[in-house]
C-alpha cells in the first residue's frame, strides 16, 4: 500500500502533536536521594533540587558527580519517553533521525 498525500499529512500532524505534548510532559531523576532533576520531554531542565546535607565544602567533587548522574538519568528518561510516544505512532519501527 502506497501512502497518499492525505495519509502523509495526517502522520505529520500526529507527529507534531506528539512533539508539542512532549514539551508538556516531565520526567524526574533522583540520585542518592540528594539530587533531583526535573526535565521536559524536550530535554529542558525545569528544576534542580539539592539536599543541603549533600553540600560538603570539603567534597564538592561528590556533589558535582551526583549532579552529572542526575542530569544523565533525566536525559535518558526524557529520551525514553519521546521514543515511547513516537513508537505508538510508528508501530515500533525505528525511523532514522527520530529520537
N, C-alpha and C. Protein backbone atom coordinates (compact mmCIF):
# COMPACT_ATOMS: atom_id res chain seq x y z
N UNK A 1 0.84 -1.18 0.00
CA UNK A 1 0.00 0.00 0.00
C UNK A 1 0.88 1.24 0.00
N UNK A 2 0.71 2.09 -0.97
CA UNK A 2 1.49 3.31 -1.10
C UNK A 2 0.74 4.44 -0.39
N UNK A 3 1.44 5.14 0.54
CA UNK A 3 0.77 6.22 1.26
C UNK A 3 0.46 7.37 0.31
N UNK A 4 -0.72 7.93 0.47
CA UNK A 4 -1.07 9.09 -0.34
C UNK A 4 -0.77 10.37 0.43
N UNK A 5 -0.94 11.47 -0.23
CA UNK A 5 -0.62 12.78 0.36
C UNK A 5 -1.41 13.03 1.64
N UNK A 6 -2.67 12.64 1.66
CA UNK A 6 -3.52 12.87 2.84
C UNK A 6 -3.00 12.06 4.03
N UNK A 7 -2.60 10.81 3.79
CA UNK A 7 -2.07 9.97 4.88
C UNK A 7 -0.78 10.57 5.43
N UNK A 8 0.06 11.06 4.55
CA UNK A 8 1.32 11.66 4.97
C UNK A 8 1.05 12.91 5.80
N UNK A 9 0.10 13.73 5.38
CA UNK A 9 -0.24 14.94 6.13
C UNK A 9 -0.80 14.59 7.51
N UNK A 10 -1.61 13.54 7.59
CA UNK A 10 -2.15 13.11 8.88
C UNK A 10 -1.03 12.64 9.81
N UNK A 11 -0.10 11.90 9.24
CA UNK A 11 1.04 11.40 10.02
C UNK A 11 1.87 12.57 10.53
N UNK A 12 2.12 13.55 9.67
CA UNK A 12 2.88 14.73 10.08
C UNK A 12 2.16 15.50 11.19
N UNK A 13 0.86 15.62 11.08
CA UNK A 13 0.08 16.33 12.10
C UNK A 13 0.16 15.60 13.44
N UNK A 14 0.07 14.27 13.39
CA UNK A 14 0.17 13.49 14.63
C UNK A 14 1.56 13.62 15.25
N UNK A 15 2.59 13.61 14.41
CA UNK A 15 3.96 13.76 14.90
C UNK A 15 4.15 15.12 15.56
N UNK A 16 3.61 16.16 14.94
CA UNK A 16 3.72 17.50 15.51
C UNK A 16 2.99 17.58 16.85
N UNK A 17 1.85 16.92 16.96
CA UNK A 17 1.11 16.92 18.21
C UNK A 17 1.89 16.20 19.30
N UNK A 18 2.50 15.08 18.95
CA UNK A 18 3.31 14.34 19.92
C UNK A 18 4.47 15.22 20.38
N UNK A 19 5.13 15.89 19.45
CA UNK A 19 6.24 16.78 19.81
C UNK A 19 5.77 17.88 20.77
N UNK A 20 4.63 18.47 20.47
CA UNK A 20 4.09 19.52 21.34
C UNK A 20 3.79 18.96 22.73
N UNK A 21 3.17 17.79 22.78
CA UNK A 21 2.82 17.17 24.05
C UNK A 21 4.06 16.83 24.88
N UNK A 22 5.13 16.42 24.22
CA UNK A 22 6.37 16.09 24.94
C UNK A 22 6.91 17.29 25.71
N UNK A 23 6.69 18.47 25.19
CA UNK A 23 7.13 19.68 25.89
C UNK A 23 6.37 19.93 27.17
N UNK A 24 5.21 19.31 27.30
CA UNK A 24 4.38 19.49 28.49
C UNK A 24 4.58 18.39 29.52
N UNK A 25 5.19 17.28 29.09
CA UNK A 25 5.41 16.16 30.00
C UNK A 25 6.78 16.28 30.64
N UNK A 26 6.89 15.77 31.87
CA UNK A 26 8.17 15.83 32.56
C UNK A 26 8.59 14.44 33.05
N UNK A 27 9.90 14.33 33.25
CA UNK A 27 10.47 13.15 33.88
C UNK A 27 11.29 13.66 35.07
N UNK A 28 11.52 12.77 36.02
CA UNK A 28 12.26 13.14 37.21
C UNK A 28 13.31 12.08 37.49
N UNK A 29 14.52 12.54 37.82
CA UNK A 29 15.60 11.61 38.17
C UNK A 29 16.18 12.05 39.51
N UNK A 30 16.32 11.10 40.42
CA UNK A 30 16.89 11.37 41.74
C UNK A 30 18.09 10.45 41.94
N UNK A 31 19.20 11.02 42.37
CA UNK A 31 20.42 10.25 42.59
C UNK A 31 20.81 10.37 44.05
N UNK A 32 21.01 9.24 44.68
CA UNK A 32 21.47 9.21 46.06
C UNK A 32 20.49 9.83 47.05
N UNK A 33 19.28 10.12 46.59
CA UNK A 33 18.30 10.73 47.47
C UNK A 33 18.62 12.18 47.80
N UNK A 34 19.66 12.75 47.13
CA UNK A 34 20.08 14.10 47.49
C UNK A 34 20.00 15.10 46.34
N UNK A 35 19.94 14.61 45.10
CA UNK A 35 19.84 15.50 43.95
C UNK A 35 18.69 15.02 43.07
N UNK A 36 17.78 15.94 42.74
CA UNK A 36 16.65 15.61 41.87
C UNK A 36 16.61 16.61 40.72
N UNK A 37 16.49 16.07 39.50
CA UNK A 37 16.39 16.89 38.31
C UNK A 37 15.04 16.60 37.65
N UNK A 38 14.30 17.65 37.29
CA UNK A 38 13.05 17.52 36.56
C UNK A 38 13.28 18.12 35.18
N UNK A 39 12.92 17.34 34.14
CA UNK A 39 13.19 17.73 32.77
C UNK A 39 11.96 17.45 31.91
N UNK A 40 11.73 18.29 30.89
CA UNK A 40 10.62 18.05 29.97
C UNK A 40 11.02 17.03 28.91
N UNK A 41 10.03 16.59 28.17
CA UNK A 41 10.30 15.68 27.06
C UNK A 41 11.08 16.33 25.94
N UNK A 42 11.27 17.65 26.01
CA UNK A 42 12.10 18.37 25.05
C UNK A 42 13.52 18.56 25.58
N UNK A 43 13.85 17.88 26.67
CA UNK A 43 15.17 17.92 27.29
C UNK A 43 15.49 19.30 27.89
N UNK A 44 14.47 20.00 28.33
CA UNK A 44 14.66 21.27 29.00
C UNK A 44 14.55 21.05 30.51
N UNK A 45 15.55 21.50 31.24
CA UNK A 45 15.55 21.33 32.70
C UNK A 45 14.57 22.32 33.30
N UNK A 46 13.64 21.80 34.12
CA UNK A 46 12.67 22.66 34.79
C UNK A 46 13.11 22.99 36.21
N UNK A 47 13.75 22.03 36.87
CA UNK A 47 14.20 22.32 38.23
C UNK A 47 15.30 21.35 38.65
N UNK A 48 16.08 21.82 39.61
CA UNK A 48 17.13 21.01 40.24
C UNK A 48 16.98 21.25 41.74
N UNK A 49 16.87 20.17 42.48
CA UNK A 49 16.79 20.28 43.94
C UNK A 49 17.99 19.55 44.53
N UNK A 50 18.64 20.20 45.49
CA UNK A 50 19.81 19.63 46.16
C UNK A 50 19.56 19.65 47.65
N UNK A 51 19.65 18.48 48.27
CA UNK A 51 19.51 18.38 49.72
C UNK A 51 20.71 19.10 50.34
N UNK A 52 20.47 20.03 51.26
CA UNK A 52 21.58 20.76 51.88
C UNK A 52 22.65 19.85 52.50
N UNK A 53 22.24 18.67 52.93
CA UNK A 53 23.22 17.75 53.50
C UNK A 53 24.19 17.21 52.45
N UNK A 54 23.84 17.36 51.18
CA UNK A 54 24.72 16.89 50.10
C UNK A 54 25.86 17.87 49.84
N UNK A 55 25.76 19.06 50.43
CA UNK A 55 26.77 20.08 50.19
C UNK A 55 27.83 20.00 51.28
N UNK A 56 28.94 19.40 50.91
CA UNK A 56 30.09 19.27 51.81
C UNK A 56 31.23 20.08 51.19
N UNK A 57 31.57 21.22 51.79
CA UNK A 57 32.61 22.07 51.22
C UNK A 57 33.94 21.33 51.01
N UNK A 58 34.16 20.26 51.77
CA UNK A 58 35.40 19.50 51.63
C UNK A 58 35.31 18.44 50.54
N UNK A 59 34.12 18.25 49.95
CA UNK A 59 33.96 17.21 48.91
C UNK A 59 32.97 17.67 47.84
N UNK A 60 33.29 18.79 47.24
CA UNK A 60 32.44 19.33 46.17
C UNK A 60 32.39 18.37 44.99
N UNK A 61 33.46 17.63 44.78
CA UNK A 61 33.52 16.69 43.65
C UNK A 61 32.41 15.65 43.72
N UNK A 62 32.06 15.19 44.90
CA UNK A 62 30.97 14.22 45.05
C UNK A 62 29.64 14.84 44.61
N UNK A 63 29.39 16.07 45.00
CA UNK A 63 28.16 16.76 44.59
C UNK A 63 28.15 16.95 43.07
N UNK A 64 29.27 17.33 42.50
CA UNK A 64 29.36 17.50 41.05
C UNK A 64 29.06 16.19 40.33
N UNK A 65 29.63 15.11 40.80
CA UNK A 65 29.39 13.80 40.19
C UNK A 65 27.92 13.39 40.32
N UNK A 66 27.32 13.70 41.46
CA UNK A 66 25.91 13.37 41.68
C UNK A 66 25.02 14.18 40.73
N UNK A 67 25.36 15.45 40.53
CA UNK A 67 24.61 16.28 39.59
C UNK A 67 24.71 15.74 38.17
N UNK A 68 25.90 15.37 37.75
CA UNK A 68 26.09 14.81 36.40
C UNK A 68 25.24 13.55 36.24
N UNK A 69 25.27 12.69 37.24
CA UNK A 69 24.49 11.44 37.17
C UNK A 69 23.00 11.74 37.08
N UNK A 70 22.51 12.71 37.85
CA UNK A 70 21.09 13.06 37.84
C UNK A 70 20.68 13.62 36.48
N UNK A 71 21.50 14.50 35.92
CA UNK A 71 21.18 15.06 34.59
C UNK A 71 21.18 13.96 33.54
N UNK A 72 22.15 13.07 33.59
CA UNK A 72 22.21 11.99 32.60
C UNK A 72 21.01 11.05 32.73
N UNK A 73 20.60 10.75 33.95
CA UNK A 73 19.42 9.90 34.14
C UNK A 73 18.17 10.60 33.61
N UNK A 74 18.05 11.89 33.86
CA UNK A 74 16.89 12.64 33.37
C UNK A 74 16.87 12.65 31.84
N UNK A 75 18.03 12.84 31.22
CA UNK A 75 18.11 12.80 29.75
C UNK A 75 17.69 11.45 29.20
N UNK A 76 18.15 10.38 29.84
CA UNK A 76 17.78 9.03 29.41
C UNK A 76 16.26 8.83 29.52
N UNK A 77 15.69 9.29 30.63
CA UNK A 77 14.25 9.14 30.83
C UNK A 77 13.46 9.97 29.82
N UNK A 78 13.92 11.19 29.54
CA UNK A 78 13.22 12.04 28.57
C UNK A 78 13.30 11.43 27.17
N UNK A 79 14.45 10.87 26.82
CA UNK A 79 14.59 10.22 25.52
C UNK A 79 13.71 8.99 25.42
N UNK A 80 13.64 8.21 26.50
CA UNK A 80 12.79 7.02 26.51
C UNK A 80 11.31 7.42 26.39
N UNK A 81 10.92 8.51 27.04
CA UNK A 81 9.55 9.00 26.95
C UNK A 81 9.22 9.37 25.50
N UNK A 82 10.12 10.10 24.85
CA UNK A 82 9.89 10.50 23.46
C UNK A 82 9.80 9.28 22.56
N UNK A 83 10.69 8.33 22.77
CA UNK A 83 10.67 7.12 21.95
C UNK A 83 9.37 6.34 22.16
N UNK A 84 8.92 6.28 23.40
CA UNK A 84 7.66 5.58 23.72
C UNK A 84 6.48 6.24 23.01
N UNK A 85 6.43 7.58 23.08
CA UNK A 85 5.32 8.30 22.45
C UNK A 85 5.35 8.14 20.93
N UNK A 86 6.52 8.21 20.35
CA UNK A 86 6.63 8.10 18.89
C UNK A 86 6.39 6.67 18.42
N UNK A 87 6.76 5.68 19.22
CA UNK A 87 6.57 4.29 18.80
C UNK A 87 5.08 3.96 18.68
N UNK A 88 4.25 4.68 19.43
CA UNK A 88 2.80 4.48 19.30
C UNK A 88 2.34 4.89 17.91
N UNK A 89 3.02 5.86 17.34
CA UNK A 89 2.68 6.36 16.00
C UNK A 89 3.33 5.52 14.90
N UNK A 90 4.57 5.10 15.14
CA UNK A 90 5.34 4.40 14.10
C UNK A 90 5.20 2.89 14.20
N UNK A 91 4.43 2.42 15.15
CA UNK A 91 4.27 0.97 15.32
C UNK A 91 5.53 0.29 15.77
N UNK A 92 6.40 1.03 16.45
CA UNK A 92 7.64 0.45 16.97
C UNK A 92 8.78 0.47 15.98
N UNK A 93 8.54 0.93 14.74
CA UNK A 93 9.62 0.99 13.76
C UNK A 93 10.60 2.06 14.17
N UNK A 94 11.87 1.79 13.96
CA UNK A 94 12.92 2.77 14.22
C UNK A 94 13.12 3.59 12.93
N UNK A 95 12.78 4.86 12.99
CA UNK A 95 12.93 5.73 11.84
C UNK A 95 14.17 6.60 12.07
N UNK A 96 15.14 6.52 11.17
CA UNK A 96 16.38 7.30 11.34
C UNK A 96 16.08 8.79 11.53
N UNK A 97 16.81 9.39 12.47
CA UNK A 97 16.64 10.81 12.72
C UNK A 97 15.53 11.16 13.69
N UNK A 98 14.78 10.16 14.13
CA UNK A 98 13.70 10.42 15.09
C UNK A 98 14.04 9.74 16.40
N UNK A 99 14.40 10.51 17.36
CA UNK A 99 14.66 10.05 18.72
C UNK A 99 15.51 8.80 18.71
